[in-house]
Amino acid sequence: MAEVEILYHKNHRFMFIDGYLWMWDTPQETRLQENLAKNAFGDVLVAGYGFGILQKFLLENPKVNSITTVEKYRQVIDKMKKFGKVRGNIIISDFYDLHENRKFDCIIGDIVPEID
């Protein structure tokens, strides 16, 4: 079971998974996620949920029909439920082990190894 911890610093959240910095909600990250979402369309598959920033912007894009996110750690989703609604369809699985027969118009790999 993964240990998910969220720390706050200067009005920003930082997510650690098993002691590694995994995600943050700084203005730069928000702009990156917003730009990804603006270019998406149709049925979108996202690898990784994080703080749900990307999913929020995807829902605001009228060209997006559906959002499915593959998140490896159920604990991430459980933590995010404490902050509010979790957006889109969630599949708990390692993205690389996903056996999904459905086709998607866009796939966004919100996975960055070694961001810390």
N, C-alpha and C. Protein backbone atom coordinates (compact mmCIF):
# COMPACT_ATOMS: atom_id res chain seq x y z
N MET A 1 0.84 -1.18 0.00
CA MET A 1 0.00 0.00 0.00
C MET A 1 0.88 1.24 0.00
N ALA A 2 0.58 2.17 -0.87
CA ALA A 2 1.36 3.40 -0.98
C ALA A 2 0.98 4.37 0.13
N GLU A 3 1.98 5.09 0.61
CA GLU A 3 1.73 6.14 1.59
C GLU A 3 1.67 7.48 0.84
N VAL A 4 0.52 8.13 0.90
CA VAL A 4 0.31 9.40 0.21
C VAL A 4 0.20 10.49 1.27
N GLU A 5 1.05 11.49 1.14
CA GLU A 5 1.07 12.60 2.09
C GLU A 5 1.00 13.91 1.30
N ILE A 6 0.19 14.83 1.81
CA ILE A 6 0.06 16.14 1.17
C ILE A 6 0.52 17.19 2.17
N LEU A 7 1.50 17.97 1.72
CA LEU A 7 2.02 19.05 2.55
C LEU A 7 1.64 20.39 1.92
N TYR A 8 1.51 21.40 2.75
CA TYR A 8 1.16 22.74 2.29
C TYR A 8 2.33 23.69 2.52
N HIS A 9 2.57 24.54 1.54
CA HIS A 9 3.60 25.57 1.67
C HIS A 9 3.18 26.77 0.82
N LYS A 10 3.03 27.92 1.46
CA LYS A 10 2.66 29.15 0.77
C LYS A 10 1.44 28.96 -0.14
N ASN A 11 0.38 28.41 0.40
CA ASN A 11 -0.90 28.19 -0.29
C ASN A 11 -0.82 27.20 -1.45
N HIS A 12 0.17 26.37 -1.47
CA HIS A 12 0.27 25.33 -2.51
C HIS A 12 0.38 23.97 -1.84
N ARG A 13 -0.12 22.97 -2.57
CA ARG A 13 -0.06 21.59 -2.08
C ARG A 13 1.06 20.85 -2.79
N PHE A 14 1.70 19.96 -2.05
CA PHE A 14 2.75 19.10 -2.59
C PHE A 14 2.43 17.68 -2.19
N MET A 15 2.32 16.80 -3.16
CA MET A 15 1.97 15.41 -2.90
C MET A 15 3.22 14.54 -2.93
N PHE A 16 3.40 13.80 -1.85
CA PHE A 16 4.48 12.84 -1.77
C PHE A 16 3.87 11.44 -1.77
N ILE A 17 4.44 10.55 -2.55
CA ILE A 17 4.02 9.15 -2.55
C ILE A 17 5.24 8.33 -2.16
N ASP A 18 5.10 7.61 -1.06
CA ASP A 18 6.19 6.82 -0.51
C ASP A 18 7.48 7.64 -0.38
N GLY A 19 7.33 8.90 0.06
CA GLY A 19 8.47 9.75 0.32
C GLY A 19 9.02 10.51 -0.87
N TYR A 20 8.49 10.28 -2.06
CA TYR A 20 8.96 10.98 -3.26
C TYR A 20 7.98 12.09 -3.64
N LEU A 21 8.50 13.25 -3.97
CA LEU A 21 7.66 14.34 -4.45
C LEU A 21 7.07 13.95 -5.79
N TRP A 22 5.75 13.94 -5.87
CA TRP A 22 5.07 13.40 -7.05
C TRP A 22 4.28 14.44 -7.82
N MET A 23 3.71 15.42 -7.12
CA MET A 23 2.84 16.40 -7.79
C MET A 23 2.77 17.65 -6.93
N TRP A 24 2.54 18.78 -7.60
CA TRP A 24 2.35 20.05 -6.90
C TRP A 24 1.33 20.89 -7.65
N ASP A 25 0.79 21.88 -7.00
CA ASP A 25 -0.24 22.72 -7.63
C ASP A 25 0.20 24.18 -7.73
N THR A 26 1.42 24.39 -8.15
CA THR A 26 1.94 25.75 -8.34
C THR A 26 1.32 26.38 -9.58
N PRO A 27 1.40 27.70 -9.73
CA PRO A 27 0.85 28.35 -10.93
C PRO A 27 1.45 27.81 -12.23
N GLN A 28 2.72 27.49 -12.23
CA GLN A 28 3.36 26.95 -13.43
C GLN A 28 2.73 25.61 -13.82
N GLU A 29 2.53 24.76 -12.84
CA GLU A 29 1.91 23.45 -13.10
C GLU A 29 0.48 23.63 -13.60
N THR A 30 -0.24 24.55 -13.01
CA THR A 30 -1.61 24.81 -13.44
C THR A 30 -1.66 25.26 -14.89
N ARG A 31 -0.75 26.16 -15.28
CA ARG A 31 -0.70 26.62 -16.69
C ARG A 31 -0.38 25.47 -17.64
N LEU A 32 0.56 24.61 -17.27
CA LEU A 32 0.91 23.46 -18.11
C LEU A 32 -0.30 22.55 -18.31
N GLN A 33 -1.01 22.27 -17.22
CA GLN A 33 -2.17 21.40 -17.30
C GLN A 33 -3.29 22.03 -18.12
N GLU A 34 -3.47 23.34 -17.96
CA GLU A 34 -4.50 24.05 -18.72
C GLU A 34 -4.20 23.99 -20.22
N ASN A 35 -2.94 24.16 -20.59
CA ASN A 35 -2.56 24.09 -22.01
C ASN A 35 -2.77 22.70 -22.59
N LEU A 36 -2.45 21.67 -21.82
CA LEU A 36 -2.72 20.30 -22.27
C LEU A 36 -4.21 20.11 -22.53
N ALA A 37 -5.02 20.58 -21.60
CA ALA A 37 -6.47 20.40 -21.71
C ALA A 37 -7.06 21.15 -22.89
N LYS A 38 -6.52 22.32 -23.19
CA LYS A 38 -7.04 23.12 -24.31
C LYS A 38 -6.88 22.42 -25.65
N ASN A 39 -5.86 21.58 -25.77
CA ASN A 39 -5.59 20.89 -27.03
C ASN A 39 -6.26 19.52 -27.13
N ALA A 40 -6.93 19.10 -26.09
CA ALA A 40 -7.57 17.78 -26.08
C ALA A 40 -8.93 17.84 -26.77
N PHE A 41 -9.40 16.67 -27.20
CA PHE A 41 -10.72 16.58 -27.83
C PHE A 41 -11.22 15.13 -27.74
N GLY A 42 -12.53 14.98 -27.88
CA GLY A 42 -13.15 13.66 -27.91
C GLY A 42 -13.05 12.93 -26.59
N ASP A 43 -12.81 11.63 -26.68
CA ASP A 43 -12.66 10.79 -25.50
C ASP A 43 -11.19 10.80 -25.10
N VAL A 44 -10.92 11.23 -23.87
CA VAL A 44 -9.55 11.45 -23.41
C VAL A 44 -9.19 10.43 -22.33
N LEU A 45 -7.99 9.84 -22.49
CA LEU A 45 -7.42 8.94 -21.48
C LEU A 45 -6.24 9.66 -20.84
N VAL A 46 -6.23 9.71 -19.50
CA VAL A 46 -5.16 10.39 -18.77
C VAL A 46 -4.44 9.37 -17.90
N ALA A 47 -3.12 9.40 -17.96
CA ALA A 47 -2.30 8.55 -17.08
C ALA A 47 -1.92 9.36 -15.85
N GLY A 48 -2.52 9.06 -14.72
CA GLY A 48 -2.21 9.74 -13.47
C GLY A 48 -3.23 10.80 -13.10
N TYR A 49 -3.68 10.80 -11.85
CA TYR A 49 -4.68 11.76 -11.40
C TYR A 49 -4.05 12.97 -10.70
N GLY A 50 -3.09 12.73 -9.83
CA GLY A 50 -2.49 13.85 -9.09
C GLY A 50 -3.53 14.61 -8.31
N PHE A 51 -3.54 15.93 -8.45
CA PHE A 51 -4.51 16.78 -7.77
C PHE A 51 -5.77 16.99 -8.61
N GLY A 52 -5.85 16.38 -9.77
CA GLY A 52 -7.04 16.53 -10.62
C GLY A 52 -7.09 17.85 -11.37
N ILE A 53 -5.97 18.54 -11.46
CA ILE A 53 -5.93 19.84 -12.14
C ILE A 53 -6.27 19.66 -13.62
N LEU A 54 -5.62 18.69 -14.25
CA LEU A 54 -5.86 18.43 -15.67
C LEU A 54 -7.32 18.06 -15.91
N GLN A 55 -7.88 17.20 -15.08
CA GLN A 55 -9.26 16.77 -15.26
C GLN A 55 -10.23 17.95 -15.14
N LYS A 56 -9.94 18.86 -14.23
CA LYS A 56 -10.79 20.07 -14.07
C LYS A 56 -10.82 20.86 -15.37
N PHE A 57 -9.66 21.08 -15.97
CA PHE A 57 -9.60 21.84 -17.21
C PHE A 57 -10.19 21.05 -18.38
N LEU A 58 -10.02 19.75 -18.39
CA LEU A 58 -10.62 18.94 -19.46
C LEU A 58 -12.13 19.06 -19.44
N LEU A 59 -12.73 19.07 -18.26
CA LEU A 59 -14.18 19.22 -18.15
C LEU A 59 -14.67 20.56 -18.68
N GLU A 60 -13.82 21.57 -18.63
CA GLU A 60 -14.19 22.90 -19.12
C GLU A 60 -14.05 23.01 -20.63
N ASN A 61 -13.39 22.07 -21.26
CA ASN A 61 -13.16 22.10 -22.71
C ASN A 61 -14.38 21.51 -23.43
N PRO A 62 -15.09 22.29 -24.22
CA PRO A 62 -16.29 21.79 -24.90
C PRO A 62 -15.99 20.73 -25.98
N LYS A 63 -14.73 20.60 -26.38
CA LYS A 63 -14.37 19.59 -27.39
C LYS A 63 -14.14 18.21 -26.77
N VAL A 64 -14.13 18.14 -25.43
CA VAL A 64 -13.91 16.87 -24.73
C VAL A 64 -15.24 16.22 -24.42
N ASN A 65 -15.39 14.96 -24.85
CA ASN A 65 -16.63 14.21 -24.60
C ASN A 65 -16.60 13.43 -23.30
N SER A 66 -15.44 12.82 -22.99
CA SER A 66 -15.33 12.01 -21.78
C SER A 66 -13.88 11.99 -21.30
N ILE A 67 -13.73 11.73 -20.00
CA ILE A 67 -12.41 11.66 -19.38
C ILE A 67 -12.31 10.36 -18.60
N THR A 68 -11.30 9.58 -18.91
CA THR A 68 -10.98 8.37 -18.15
C THR A 68 -9.55 8.52 -17.67
N THR A 69 -9.35 8.35 -16.36
CA THR A 69 -8.02 8.48 -15.78
C THR A 69 -7.60 7.14 -15.20
N VAL A 70 -6.38 6.75 -15.51
CA VAL A 70 -5.79 5.55 -14.92
C VAL A 70 -4.85 6.02 -13.82
N GLU A 71 -5.17 5.66 -12.59
CA GLU A 71 -4.36 6.04 -11.43
C GLU A 71 -3.87 4.77 -10.75
N LYS A 72 -2.59 4.70 -10.54
CA LYS A 72 -1.97 3.50 -9.96
C LYS A 72 -2.34 3.30 -8.49
N TYR A 73 -2.50 4.41 -7.76
CA TYR A 73 -2.68 4.31 -6.31
C TYR A 73 -4.08 4.75 -5.88
N ARG A 74 -4.85 3.82 -5.36
CA ARG A 74 -6.18 4.14 -4.83
C ARG A 74 -6.08 5.21 -3.74
N GLN A 75 -4.97 5.21 -3.01
CA GLN A 75 -4.79 6.16 -1.92
C GLN A 75 -4.79 7.60 -2.44
N VAL A 76 -4.30 7.83 -3.67
CA VAL A 76 -4.33 9.16 -4.25
C VAL A 76 -5.78 9.61 -4.43
N ILE A 77 -6.60 8.74 -4.97
CA ILE A 77 -8.02 9.07 -5.18
C ILE A 77 -8.71 9.29 -3.85
N ASP A 78 -8.42 8.45 -2.86
CA ASP A 78 -9.02 8.61 -1.53
C ASP A 78 -8.65 9.97 -0.93
N LYS A 79 -7.38 10.38 -1.07
CA LYS A 79 -6.96 11.69 -0.56
C LYS A 79 -7.69 12.82 -1.28
N MET A 80 -7.82 12.70 -2.60
CA MET A 80 -8.44 13.77 -3.38
C MET A 80 -9.93 13.90 -3.07
N LYS A 81 -10.57 12.82 -2.69
CA LYS A 81 -11.98 12.88 -2.29
C LYS A 81 -12.16 13.78 -1.07
N LYS A 82 -11.13 13.88 -0.24
CA LYS A 82 -11.20 14.74 0.94
C LYS A 82 -11.20 16.22 0.55
N PHE A 83 -10.70 16.54 -0.66
CA PHE A 83 -10.64 17.93 -1.13
C PHE A 83 -11.85 18.30 -1.98
N GLY A 84 -12.66 17.31 -2.34
CA GLY A 84 -13.81 17.59 -3.17
C GLY A 84 -14.07 16.45 -4.14
N LYS A 85 -14.84 16.76 -5.14
CA LYS A 85 -15.26 15.77 -6.12
C LYS A 85 -14.07 15.29 -6.97
N VAL A 86 -14.01 13.99 -7.20
CA VAL A 86 -13.03 13.41 -8.13
C VAL A 86 -13.70 13.40 -9.49
N ARG A 87 -13.00 13.92 -10.49
CA ARG A 87 -13.60 14.15 -11.81
C ARG A 87 -13.28 13.04 -12.79
N GLY A 88 -14.28 12.66 -13.58
CA GLY A 88 -14.10 11.67 -14.64
C GLY A 88 -14.21 10.24 -14.14
N ASN A 89 -14.08 9.32 -15.07
CA ASN A 89 -14.07 7.90 -14.77
C ASN A 89 -12.67 7.52 -14.31
N ILE A 90 -12.54 6.80 -13.20
CA ILE A 90 -11.25 6.43 -12.65
C ILE A 90 -11.06 4.91 -12.75
N ILE A 91 -9.91 4.51 -13.26
CA ILE A 91 -9.52 3.10 -13.28
C ILE A 91 -8.28 2.99 -12.40
N ILE A 92 -8.34 2.14 -11.38
CA ILE A 92 -7.18 1.93 -10.52
C ILE A 92 -6.35 0.81 -11.14
N SER A 93 -5.20 1.23 -11.68
CA SER A 93 -4.31 0.29 -12.38
C SER A 93 -3.01 1.00 -12.70
N ASP A 94 -1.99 0.24 -12.94
CA ASP A 94 -0.76 0.79 -13.50
C ASP A 94 -1.05 1.04 -14.98
N PHE A 95 -0.79 2.24 -15.45
CA PHE A 95 -1.08 2.59 -16.84
C PHE A 95 -0.45 1.61 -17.81
N TYR A 96 0.75 1.16 -17.49
CA TYR A 96 1.47 0.26 -18.39
C TYR A 96 0.89 -1.15 -18.42
N ASP A 97 0.04 -1.46 -17.44
CA ASP A 97 -0.62 -2.77 -17.40
C ASP A 97 -2.08 -2.70 -17.84
N LEU A 98 -2.51 -1.54 -18.30
CA LEU A 98 -3.91 -1.33 -18.65
C LEU A 98 -4.32 -2.19 -19.84
N HIS A 99 -5.41 -2.90 -19.66
CA HIS A 99 -5.98 -3.70 -20.74
C HIS A 99 -7.35 -3.13 -21.06
N GLU A 100 -7.35 -2.07 -21.82
CA GLU A 100 -8.59 -1.36 -22.15
C GLU A 100 -8.84 -1.53 -23.65
N ASN A 101 -9.99 -2.08 -23.99
CA ASN A 101 -10.32 -2.29 -25.40
C ASN A 101 -10.91 -1.05 -26.06
N ARG A 102 -11.32 -0.11 -25.26
CA ARG A 102 -11.91 1.12 -25.78
C ARG A 102 -10.85 1.97 -26.48
N LYS A 103 -11.25 2.67 -27.52
CA LYS A 103 -10.34 3.58 -28.22
C LYS A 103 -10.55 5.00 -27.71
N PHE A 104 -9.46 5.75 -27.68
CA PHE A 104 -9.50 7.13 -27.21
C PHE A 104 -8.97 8.05 -28.30
N ASP A 105 -9.48 9.27 -28.32
CA ASP A 105 -9.03 10.27 -29.29
C ASP A 105 -7.73 10.93 -28.85
N CYS A 106 -7.56 11.09 -27.54
CA CYS A 106 -6.35 11.70 -26.98
C CYS A 106 -5.89 10.89 -25.77
N ILE A 107 -4.59 10.75 -25.65
CA ILE A 107 -4.01 10.14 -24.46
C ILE A 107 -3.00 11.13 -23.91
N ILE A 108 -3.17 11.48 -22.64
CA ILE A 108 -2.28 12.44 -22.00
C ILE A 108 -1.51 11.71 -20.92
N GLY A 109 -0.22 11.66 -21.07
CA GLY A 109 0.64 10.99 -20.09
C GLY A 109 1.09 11.95 -19.02
N ASP A 110 0.29 12.05 -17.98
CA ASP A 110 0.62 12.96 -16.87
C ASP A 110 1.53 12.21 -15.89
N ILE A 111 2.57 11.60 -16.43
CA ILE A 111 3.52 10.84 -15.63
C ILE A 111 4.90 11.42 -15.88
N VAL A 112 5.55 11.85 -14.84
CA VAL A 112 6.89 12.41 -14.98
C VAL A 112 7.80 11.68 -14.01
N PRO A 113 8.71 10.84 -14.50
CA PRO A 113 9.60 10.15 -13.57
C PRO A 113 10.61 11.13 -12.99
N GLU A 114 10.88 10.97 -11.71
CA GLU A 114 11.92 11.76 -11.05
C GLU A 114 11.73 13.27 -11.17
N ILE A 115 10.56 13.75 -10.80
CA ILE A 115 10.35 15.20 -10.85
C ILE A 115 10.98 15.90 -9.67
N ASP A 116 11.39 15.13 -8.66
CA ASP A 116 12.01 15.80 -7.52
C ASP A 116 13.50 15.77 -7.65
